[in-house]
Amino acid sequence: MSGDAIANYRLESPADLQTYLDLLLAEQSAIERARFMTAVIRGAEAAILEEAQDHVRIEQRELEAVISLPK
């Protein structure tokens, strides 16, 4: 973008506002899914580092990690 370019972020119609809201909600949902999956992976890693060898223990650590996510 050049120094002379001016961005227009005006949302002039209800349809523009709805589109913007939909995009914000989609972004929030993607962020929440990523946080959830990251917690699951960290829980699994913790269980493996603790030398857990049964699936139940790995799932427990995954759940603990998800529950510990800040709200």
PDB file of N, CA and C in Angstrom:
ATOM      1  N   MET A   1       0.844  -1.160   0.000  1.00  0.00           N
ATOM      2  CA  MET A   1       0.000   0.000   0.000  1.00  0.00           C
ATOM      3  C   MET A   1       0.899   1.234   0.000  1.00  0.00           C
ATOM      4  N   SER A   2       0.632   2.148  -0.871  1.00  0.00           N
ATOM      5  CA  SER A   2       1.470   3.341  -0.957  1.00  0.00           C
ATOM      6  C   SER A   2       1.115   4.317   0.155  1.00  0.00           C
ATOM      7  N   GLY A   3       1.991   5.296   0.360  1.00  0.00           N
ATOM      8  CA  GLY A   3       1.753   6.305   1.390  1.00  0.00           C
ATOM      9  C   GLY A   3       0.529   7.154   1.106  1.00  0.00           C
ATOM     10  N   ASP A   4       0.137   7.247  -0.174  1.00  0.00           N
ATOM     11  CA  ASP A   4      -1.020   8.065  -0.546  1.00  0.00           C
ATOM     12  C   ASP A   4      -2.342   7.307  -0.447  1.00  0.00           C
ATOM     13  N   ALA A   5      -2.270   5.994  -0.325  1.00  0.00           N
ATOM     14  CA  ALA A   5      -3.503   5.199  -0.280  1.00  0.00           C
ATOM     15  C   ALA A   5      -4.198   5.379   1.057  1.00  0.00           C
ATOM     16  N   ILE A   6      -5.510   5.447   0.991  1.00  0.00           N
ATOM     17  CA  ILE A   6      -6.319   5.590   2.202  1.00  0.00           C
ATOM     18  C   ILE A   6      -7.252   4.386   2.278  1.00  0.00           C
ATOM     19  N   ALA A   7      -7.207   3.682   3.379  1.00  0.00           N
ATOM     20  CA  ALA A   7      -8.071   2.516   3.560  1.00  0.00           C
ATOM     21  C   ALA A   7      -9.464   2.983   3.953  1.00  0.00           C
ATOM     22  N   ASN A   8     -10.460   2.324   3.406  1.00  0.00           N
ATOM     23  CA  ASN A   8     -11.841   2.635   3.737  1.00  0.00           C
ATOM     24  C   ASN A   8     -12.412   1.462   4.521  1.00  0.00           C
ATOM     25  N   TYR A   9     -12.577   1.656   5.808  1.00  0.00           N
ATOM     26  CA  TYR A   9     -13.103   0.606   6.666  1.00  0.00           C
ATOM     27  C   TYR A   9     -14.528   0.898   7.109  1.00  0.00           C
ATOM     28  N   ARG A  10     -15.201   1.772   6.409  1.00  0.00           N
ATOM     29  CA  ARG A  10     -16.568   2.110   6.798  1.00  0.00           C
ATOM     30  C   ARG A  10     -17.513   0.970   6.441  1.00  0.00           C
ATOM     31  N   LEU A  11     -18.343   0.652   7.368  1.00  0.00           N
ATOM     32  CA  LEU A  11     -19.376  -0.363   7.153  1.00  0.00           C
ATOM     33  C   LEU A  11     -20.689   0.395   7.028  1.00  0.00           C
ATOM     34  N   GLU A  12     -21.147   0.535   5.815  1.00  0.00           N
ATOM     35  CA  GLU A  12     -22.249   1.459   5.559  1.00  0.00           C
ATOM     36  C   GLU A  12     -23.618   0.822   5.586  1.00  0.00           C
ATOM     37  N   SER A  13     -23.708  -0.452   5.382  1.00  0.00           N
ATOM     38  CA  SER A  13     -25.034  -1.067   5.317  1.00  0.00           C
ATOM     39  C   SER A  13     -25.154  -2.169   6.363  1.00  0.00           C
ATOM     40  N   PRO A  14     -26.391  -2.549   6.677  1.00  0.00           N
ATOM     41  CA  PRO A  14     -26.574  -3.681   7.587  1.00  0.00           C
ATOM     42  C   PRO A  14     -25.906  -4.960   7.067  1.00  0.00           C
ATOM     43  N   ALA A  15     -25.891  -5.133   5.759  1.00  0.00           N
ATOM     44  CA  ALA A  15     -25.238  -6.317   5.185  1.00  0.00           C
ATOM     45  C   ALA A  15     -23.726  -6.268   5.441  1.00  0.00           C
ATOM     46  N   ASP A  16     -23.124  -5.067   5.321  1.00  0.00           N
ATOM     47  CA  ASP A  16     -21.697  -4.917   5.621  1.00  0.00           C
ATOM     48  C   ASP A  16     -21.422  -5.272   7.077  1.00  0.00           C
ATOM     49  N   LEU A  17     -22.260  -4.783   7.964  1.00  0.00           N
ATOM     50  CA  LEU A  17     -22.089  -5.052   9.390  1.00  0.00           C
ATOM     51  C   LEU A  17     -22.235  -6.543   9.682  1.00  0.00           C
ATOM     52  N   GLN A  18     -23.203  -7.185   9.038  1.00  0.00           N
ATOM     53  CA  GLN A  18     -23.418  -8.619   9.249  1.00  0.00           C
ATOM     54  C   GLN A  18     -22.230  -9.424   8.738  1.00  0.00           C
ATOM     55  N   THR A  19     -21.714  -9.045   7.587  1.00  0.00           N
ATOM     56  CA  THR A  19     -20.539  -9.727   7.031  1.00  0.00           C
ATOM     57  C   THR A  19     -19.354  -9.590   7.969  1.00  0.00           C
ATOM     58  N   TYR A  20     -19.154  -8.385   8.481  1.00  0.00           N
ATOM     59  CA  TYR A  20     -18.047  -8.140   9.404  1.00  0.00           C
ATOM     60  C   TYR A  20     -18.219  -8.965  10.680  1.00  0.00           C
ATOM     61  N   LEU A  21     -19.426  -9.002  11.219  1.00  0.00           N
ATOM     62  CA  LEU A  21     -19.695  -9.802  12.418  1.00  0.00           C
ATOM     63  C   LEU A  21     -19.447 -11.280  12.144  1.00  0.00           C
ATOM     64  N   ASP A  22     -19.899 -11.763  10.999  1.00  0.00           N
ATOM     65  CA  ASP A  22     -19.674 -13.166  10.639  1.00  0.00           C
ATOM     66  C   ASP A  22     -18.184 -13.496  10.570  1.00  0.00           C
ATOM     67  N   LEU A  23     -17.404 -12.581   9.998  1.00  0.00           N
ATOM     68  CA  LEU A  23     -15.961 -12.789   9.915  1.00  0.00           C
ATOM     69  C   LEU A  23     -15.314 -12.793  11.296  1.00  0.00           C
ATOM     70  N   LEU A  24     -15.745 -11.884  12.168  1.00  0.00           N
ATOM     71  CA  LEU A  24     -15.208 -11.854  13.528  1.00  0.00           C
ATOM     72  C   LEU A  24     -15.539 -13.138  14.282  1.00  0.00           C
ATOM     73  N   LEU A  25     -16.767 -13.622  14.134  1.00  0.00           N
ATOM     74  CA  LEU A  25     -17.169 -14.854  14.813  1.00  0.00           C
ATOM     75  C   LEU A  25     -16.400 -16.062  14.272  1.00  0.00           C
ATOM     76  N   ALA A  26     -16.172 -16.089  12.964  1.00  0.00           N
ATOM     77  CA  ALA A  26     -15.394 -17.182  12.375  1.00  0.00           C
ATOM     78  C   ALA A  26     -13.961 -17.156  12.897  1.00  0.00           C
ATOM     79  N   GLU A  27     -13.392 -15.960  13.017  1.00  0.00           N
ATOM     80  CA  GLU A  27     -12.032 -15.848  13.543  1.00  0.00           C
ATOM     81  C   GLU A  27     -11.971 -16.310  14.994  1.00  0.00           C
ATOM     82  N   GLN A  28     -12.942 -15.888  15.794  1.00  0.00           N
ATOM     83  CA  GLN A  28     -12.974 -16.301  17.199  1.00  0.00           C
ATOM     84  C   GLN A  28     -13.095 -17.822  17.309  1.00  0.00           C
ATOM     85  N   SER A  29     -13.921 -18.417  16.488  1.00  0.00           N
ATOM     86  CA  SER A  29     -14.098 -19.863  16.513  1.00  0.00           C
ATOM     87  C   SER A  29     -12.803 -20.580  16.139  1.00  0.00           C
ATOM     88  N   ALA A  30     -12.099 -20.075  15.136  1.00  0.00           N
ATOM     89  CA  ALA A  30     -10.830 -20.683  14.718  1.00  0.00           C
ATOM     90  C   ALA A  30      -9.799 -20.587  15.834  1.00  0.00           C
ATOM     91  N   ILE A  31      -9.770 -19.463  16.520  1.00  0.00           N
ATOM     92  CA  ILE A  31      -8.824 -19.286  17.629  1.00  0.00           C
ATOM     93  C   ILE A  31      -9.136 -20.264  18.751  1.00  0.00           C
ATOM     94  N   GLU A  32     -10.410 -20.418  19.076  1.00  0.00           N
ATOM     95  CA  GLU A  32     -10.795 -21.345  20.146  1.00  0.00           C
ATOM     96  C   GLU A  32     -10.452 -22.788  19.790  1.00  0.00           C
ATOM     97  N   ARG A  33     -10.668 -23.168  18.532  1.00  0.00           N
ATOM     98  CA  ARG A  33     -10.303 -24.541  18.102  1.00  0.00           C
ATOM     99  C   ARG A  33      -8.799 -24.750  18.213  1.00  0.00           C
ATOM    100  N   ALA A  34      -8.036 -23.747  17.814  1.00  0.00           N
ATOM    101  CA  ALA A  34      -6.580 -23.863  17.890  1.00  0.00           C
ATOM    102  C   ALA A  34      -6.119 -23.970  19.338  1.00  0.00           C
ATOM    103  N   ARG A  35      -6.707 -23.177  20.235  1.00  0.00           N
ATOM    104  CA  ARG A  35      -6.353 -23.251  21.663  1.00  0.00           C
ATOM    105  C   ARG A  35      -6.673 -24.638  22.218  1.00  0.00           C
ATOM    106  N   PHE A  36      -7.832 -25.176  21.842  1.00  0.00           N
ATOM    107  CA  PHE A  36      -8.249 -26.493  22.316  1.00  0.00           C
ATOM    108  C   PHE A  36      -7.270 -27.566  21.842  1.00  0.00           C
ATOM    109  N   MET A  37      -6.969 -27.562  20.551  1.00  0.00           N
ATOM    110  CA  MET A  37      -6.077 -28.595  20.018  1.00  0.00           C
ATOM    111  C   MET A  37      -4.670 -28.466  20.583  1.00  0.00           C
ATOM    112  N   THR A  38      -4.212 -27.253  20.809  1.00  0.00           N
ATOM    113  CA  THR A  38      -2.900 -27.048  21.423  1.00  0.00           C
ATOM    114  C   THR A  38      -2.872 -27.633  22.829  1.00  0.00           C
ATOM    115  N   ALA A  39      -3.961 -27.429  23.584  1.00  0.00           N
ATOM    116  CA  ALA A  39      -4.037 -27.985  24.935  1.00  0.00           C
ATOM    117  C   ALA A  39      -4.030 -29.513  24.897  1.00  0.00           C
ATOM    118  N   VAL A  40      -4.767 -30.086  23.960  1.00  0.00           N
ATOM    119  CA  VAL A  40      -4.799 -31.551  23.834  1.00  0.00           C
ATOM    120  C   VAL A  40      -3.391 -32.081  23.548  1.00  0.00           C
ATOM    121  N   ILE A  41      -2.702 -31.439  22.625  1.00  0.00           N
ATOM    122  CA  ILE A  41      -1.344 -31.879  22.276  1.00  0.00           C
ATOM    123  C   ILE A  41      -0.406 -31.728  23.471  1.00  0.00           C
ATOM    124  N   ARG A  42      -0.505 -30.624  24.184  1.00  0.00           N
ATOM    125  CA  ARG A  42       0.352 -30.436  25.366  1.00  0.00           C
ATOM    126  C   ARG A  42       0.062 -31.485  26.430  1.00  0.00           C
ATOM    127  N   GLY A  43      -1.208 -31.832  26.608  1.00  0.00           N
ATOM    128  CA  GLY A  43      -1.554 -32.868  27.568  1.00  0.00           C
ATOM    129  C   GLY A  43      -0.973 -34.213  27.171  1.00  0.00           C
ATOM    130  N   ALA A  44      -1.070 -34.537  25.887  1.00  0.00           N
ATOM    131  CA  ALA A  44      -0.511 -35.795  25.405  1.00  0.00           C
ATOM    132  C   ALA A  44       1.009 -35.808  25.574  1.00  0.00           C
ATOM    133  N   GLU A  45       1.641 -34.684  25.254  1.00  0.00           N
ATOM    134  CA  GLU A  45       3.101 -34.598  25.435  1.00  0.00           C
ATOM    135  C   GLU A  45       3.488 -34.790  26.892  1.00  0.00           C
ATOM    136  N   ALA A  46       2.731 -34.165  27.795  1.00  0.00           N
ATOM    137  CA  ALA A  46       3.034 -34.300  29.225  1.00  0.00           C
ATOM    138  C   ALA A  46       2.929 -35.759  29.655  1.00  0.00           C
ATOM    139  N   ALA A  47       1.892 -36.448  29.187  1.00  0.00           N
ATOM    140  CA  ALA A  47       1.713 -37.856  29.550  1.00  0.00           C
ATOM    141  C   ALA A  47       2.868 -38.699  29.016  1.00  0.00           C
ATOM    142  N   ILE A  48       3.281 -38.424  27.800  1.00  0.00           N
ATOM    143  CA  ILE A  48       4.383 -39.184  27.210  1.00  0.00           C
ATOM    144  C   ILE A  48       5.675 -38.926  27.972  1.00  0.00           C
ATOM    145  N   LEU A  49       5.921 -37.654  28.331  1.00  0.00           N
ATOM    146  CA  LEU A  49       7.119 -37.339  29.107  1.00  0.00           C
ATOM    147  C   LEU A  49       7.083 -37.977  30.490  1.00  0.00           C
ATOM    148  N   GLU A  50       5.881 -38.215  31.008  1.00  0.00           N
ATOM    149  CA  GLU A  50       5.724 -38.920  32.287  1.00  0.00           C
ATOM    150  C   GLU A  50       5.779 -40.437  32.084  1.00  0.00           C
ATOM    151  N   GLU A  51       6.068 -40.838  30.860  1.00  0.00           N
ATOM    152  CA  GLU A  51       6.186 -42.237  30.484  1.00  0.00           C
ATOM    153  C   GLU A  51       4.888 -43.017  30.593  1.00  0.00           C
ATOM    154  N   ALA A  52       3.772 -42.328  30.406  1.00  0.00           N
ATOM    155  CA  ALA A  52       2.479 -43.016  30.366  1.00  0.00           C
ATOM    156  C   ALA A  52       2.458 -43.914  29.140  1.00  0.00           C
ATOM    157  N   GLN A  53       1.949 -45.113  29.322  1.00  0.00           N
ATOM    158  CA  GLN A  53       1.910 -46.047  28.207  1.00  0.00           C
ATOM    159  C   GLN A  53       0.518 -46.541  27.897  1.00  0.00           C
ATOM    160  N   ASP A  54      -0.453 -46.088  28.657  1.00  0.00           N
ATOM    161  CA  ASP A  54      -1.814 -46.516  28.359  1.00  0.00           C
ATOM    162  C   ASP A  54      -2.629 -45.318  27.860  1.00  0.00           C
ATOM    163  N   HIS A  55      -3.516 -45.622  26.952  1.00  0.00           N
ATOM    164  CA  HIS A  55      -4.329 -44.593  26.304  1.00  0.00           C
ATOM    165  C   HIS A  55      -5.169 -43.811  27.309  1.00  0.00           C
ATOM    166  N   VAL A  56      -5.669 -44.469  28.328  1.00  0.00           N
ATOM    167  CA  VAL A  56      -6.514 -43.810  29.329  1.00  0.00           C
ATOM    168  C   VAL A  56      -5.751 -42.694  30.036  1.00  0.00           C
ATOM    169  N   ARG A  57      -4.526 -42.944  30.423  1.00  0.00           N
ATOM    170  CA  ARG A  57      -3.726 -41.923  31.114  1.00  0.00           C
ATOM    171  C   ARG A  57      -3.416 -40.746  30.187  1.00  0.00           C
ATOM    172  N   ILE A  58      -3.125 -41.045  28.941  1.00  0.00           N
ATOM    173  CA  ILE A  58      -2.867 -39.963  27.982  1.00  0.00           C
ATOM    174  C   ILE A  58      -4.116 -39.099  27.820  1.00  0.00           C
ATOM    175  N   GLU A  59      -5.274 -39.719  27.690  1.00  0.00           N
ATOM    176  CA  GLU A  59      -6.522 -38.955  27.588  1.00  0.00           C
ATOM    177  C   GLU A  59      -6.789 -38.138  28.847  1.00  0.00           C
ATOM    178  N   GLN A  60      -6.473 -38.687  30.010  1.00  0.00           N
ATOM    179  CA  GLN A  60      -6.648 -37.935  31.259  1.00  0.00           C
ATOM    180  C   GLN A  60      -5.805 -36.662  31.240  1.00  0.00           C
ATOM    181  N   ARG A  61      -4.554 -36.780  30.821  1.00  0.00           N
ATOM    182  CA  ARG A  61      -3.668 -35.609  30.775  1.00  0.00           C
ATOM    183  C   ARG A  61      -4.152 -34.604  29.734  1.00  0.00           C
ATOM    184  N   GLU A  62      -4.687 -35.097  28.615  1.00  0.00           N
ATOM    185  CA  GLU A  62      -5.250 -34.187  27.617  1.00  0.00           C
ATOM    186  C   GLU A  62      -6.418 -33.407  28.205  1.00  0.00           C
ATOM    187  N   LEU A  63      -7.297 -34.108  28.893  1.00  0.00           N
ATOM    188  CA  LEU A  63      -8.461 -33.462  29.505  1.00  0.00           C
ATOM    189  C   LEU A  63      -8.034 -32.466  30.567  1.00  0.00           C
ATOM    190  N   GLU A  64      -7.066 -32.824  31.377  1.00  0.00           N
ATOM    191  CA  GLU A  64      -6.565 -31.889  32.394  1.00  0.00           C
ATOM    192  C   GLU A  64      -6.034 -30.612  31.754  1.00  0.00           C
ATOM    193  N   ALA A  65      -5.332 -30.765  30.648  1.00  0.00           N
ATOM    194  CA  ALA A  65      -4.783 -29.598  29.955  1.00  0.00           C
ATOM    195  C   ALA A  65      -5.898 -28.715  29.399  1.00  0.00           C
ATOM    196  N   VAL A  66      -6.930 -29.328  28.853  1.00  0.00           N
ATOM    197  CA  VAL A  66      -8.055 -28.561  28.310  1.00  0.00           C
ATOM    198  C   VAL A  66      -8.801 -27.833  29.421  1.00  0.00           C
ATOM    199  N   ILE A  67      -9.031 -28.527  30.535  1.00  0.00           N
ATOM    200  CA  ILE A  67      -9.738 -27.915  31.670  1.00  0.00           C
ATOM    201  C   ILE A  67      -8.951 -26.743  32.241  1.00  0.00           C
ATOM    202  N   SER A  68      -7.636 -26.822  32.167  1.00  0.00           N
ATOM    203  CA  SER A  68      -6.802 -25.759  32.758  1.00  0.00           C
ATOM    204  C   SER A  68      -6.666 -24.523  31.871  1.00  0.00           C
ATOM    205  N   LEU A  69      -7.265 -24.546  30.684  1.00  0.00           N
ATOM    206  CA  LEU A  69      -7.202 -23.368  29.817  1.00  0.00           C
ATOM    207  C   LEU A  69      -7.871 -22.175  30.498  1.00  0.00           C
ATOM    208  N   PRO A  70      -7.255 -21.004  30.408  1.00  0.00           N
ATOM    209  CA  PRO A  70      -7.899 -19.808  30.964  1.00  0.00           C
ATOM    210  C   PRO A  70      -9.182 -19.504  30.200  1.00  0.00           C
ATOM    211  N   LYS A  71     -10.124 -19.012  30.897  1.00  0.00           N
ATOM    212  CA  LYS A  71     -11.433 -18.688  30.267  1.00  0.00           C
ATOM    213  C   LYS A  71     -11.369 -17.410  29.499  1.00  0.00           C
TER     214      LYS A  71
END
